[in-house]
Amino acid sequence: MALKLKPVSSQVIVITGASSGIGLATAKLAAERARQGGARRPHA
């Protein structure tokens, strides 16, 4: 069964601890992907 991802732009994402560390990196990545038009599969 293949995993089907919705575009980030159509999701609500809550990231806690986004002021530093992994939370900050995750927030930056999510914002960049949303700006580009949605999530990309790393192995697609």
N, C-alpha and C. Protein backbone atom coordinates (compact mmCIF):
# COMPACT_ATOMS: atom_id res chain seq x y z
N MET A 1 0.85 -1.17 0.00
CA MET A 1 0.00 0.00 0.00
C MET A 1 0.90 1.24 0.00
N ALA A 2 0.71 2.10 -0.98
CA ALA A 2 1.52 3.31 -1.10
C ALA A 2 0.99 4.40 -0.18
N LEU A 3 1.89 5.16 0.38
CA LEU A 3 1.54 6.29 1.24
C LEU A 3 1.23 7.49 0.36
N LYS A 4 0.06 8.08 0.54
CA LYS A 4 -0.33 9.25 -0.24
C LYS A 4 -0.28 10.47 0.68
N LEU A 5 0.56 11.42 0.33
CA LEU A 5 0.73 12.62 1.13
C LEU A 5 -0.08 13.78 0.57
N LYS A 6 -0.73 14.50 1.45
CA LYS A 6 -1.42 15.72 1.04
C LYS A 6 -0.38 16.84 0.95
N PRO A 7 -0.60 17.81 0.07
CA PRO A 7 0.32 18.96 0.02
C PRO A 7 0.34 19.69 1.36
N VAL A 8 1.49 20.18 1.76
CA VAL A 8 1.62 20.92 3.01
C VAL A 8 0.67 22.12 3.01
N SER A 9 0.48 22.73 1.85
CA SER A 9 -0.37 23.92 1.77
C SER A 9 -1.83 23.63 2.12
N SER A 10 -2.24 22.36 2.10
CA SER A 10 -3.62 22.03 2.45
C SER A 10 -3.74 21.44 3.86
N GLN A 11 -2.67 21.51 4.63
CA GLN A 11 -2.66 20.95 5.97
C GLN A 11 -2.42 22.04 7.02
N VAL A 12 -2.82 21.72 8.23
CA VAL A 12 -2.49 22.56 9.37
C VAL A 12 -1.41 21.82 10.14
N ILE A 13 -0.28 22.47 10.35
CA ILE A 13 0.84 21.83 11.03
C ILE A 13 1.11 22.58 12.33
N VAL A 14 1.19 21.83 13.42
CA VAL A 14 1.53 22.41 14.72
C VAL A 14 2.90 21.87 15.10
N ILE A 15 3.85 22.77 15.26
CA ILE A 15 5.21 22.39 15.63
C ILE A 15 5.52 23.05 16.97
N THR A 16 5.74 22.24 17.98
CA THR A 16 6.09 22.78 19.29
C THR A 16 7.60 22.84 19.42
N GLY A 17 8.09 23.76 20.20
CA GLY A 17 9.53 23.90 20.39
C GLY A 17 10.24 24.41 19.16
N ALA A 18 9.59 25.30 18.40
CA ALA A 18 10.16 25.77 17.15
C ALA A 18 11.14 26.93 17.32
N SER A 19 11.55 27.22 18.55
CA SER A 19 12.49 28.32 18.75
C SER A 19 13.94 27.87 18.62
N SER A 20 14.18 26.54 18.65
CA SER A 20 15.55 26.06 18.50
C SER A 20 15.56 24.57 18.17
N GLY A 21 16.71 24.07 17.78
CA GLY A 21 16.92 22.64 17.57
C GLY A 21 16.07 22.03 16.47
N ILE A 22 15.62 20.81 16.74
CA ILE A 22 14.85 20.05 15.75
C ILE A 22 13.54 20.76 15.41
N GLY A 23 12.89 21.36 16.41
CA GLY A 23 11.64 22.09 16.15
C GLY A 23 11.84 23.24 15.18
N LEU A 24 12.92 23.99 15.34
CA LEU A 24 13.22 25.11 14.44
C LEU A 24 13.50 24.60 13.03
N ALA A 25 14.29 23.54 12.92
CA ALA A 25 14.62 22.96 11.62
C ALA A 25 13.35 22.45 10.93
N THR A 26 12.46 21.82 11.70
CA THR A 26 11.21 21.31 11.15
C THR A 26 10.32 22.45 10.67
N ALA A 27 10.24 23.51 11.45
CA ALA A 27 9.42 24.67 11.06
C ALA A 27 9.95 25.31 9.78
N LYS A 28 11.27 25.45 9.69
CA LYS A 28 11.87 26.04 8.48
C LYS A 28 11.61 25.17 7.26
N LEU A 29 11.76 23.86 7.41
CA LEU A 29 11.54 22.94 6.30
C LEU A 29 10.07 22.96 5.86
N ALA A 30 9.15 22.95 6.81
CA ALA A 30 7.73 23.00 6.48
C ALA A 30 7.38 24.30 5.76
N ALA A 31 7.94 25.41 6.21
CA ALA A 31 7.67 26.70 5.57
C ALA A 31 8.23 26.73 4.16
N GLU A 32 9.41 26.19 3.97
CA GLU A 32 10.02 26.16 2.64
C GLU A 32 9.21 25.28 1.69
N ARG A 33 8.79 24.13 2.17
CA ARG A 33 8.01 23.24 1.31
C ARG A 33 6.64 23.84 0.98
N ALA A 34 6.03 24.52 1.92
CA ALA A 34 4.75 25.18 1.66
C ALA A 34 4.93 26.29 0.63
N ARG A 35 6.05 27.01 0.74
CA ARG A 35 6.33 28.08 -0.22
C ARG A 35 6.53 27.51 -1.62
N GLN A 36 7.10 26.34 -1.72
CA GLN A 36 7.36 25.71 -3.01
C GLN A 36 6.13 25.02 -3.59
N GLY A 37 5.07 24.94 -2.82
CA GLY A 37 3.84 24.37 -3.33
C GLY A 37 3.46 23.02 -2.78
N GLY A 38 4.13 22.55 -1.74
CA GLY A 38 3.71 21.31 -1.12
C GLY A 38 4.88 20.40 -0.77
N ALA A 39 4.56 19.35 -0.09
CA ALA A 39 5.57 18.39 0.36
C ALA A 39 6.09 17.58 -0.81
N ARG A 40 7.35 17.22 -0.72
CA ARG A 40 7.96 16.35 -1.72
C ARG A 40 8.38 15.06 -1.05
N ARG A 41 8.23 13.98 -1.74
CA ARG A 41 8.69 12.70 -1.21
C ARG A 41 10.20 12.64 -1.36
N PRO A 42 10.90 12.26 -0.31
CA PRO A 42 12.36 12.21 -0.41
C PRO A 42 12.88 11.14 -1.36
N HIS A 43 12.09 10.08 -1.60
CA HIS A 43 12.56 8.99 -2.45
C HIS A 43 11.73 8.87 -3.72
N ALA A 44 11.06 9.92 -4.14
CA ALA A 44 10.22 9.84 -5.34
C ALA A 44 11.00 10.13 -6.59
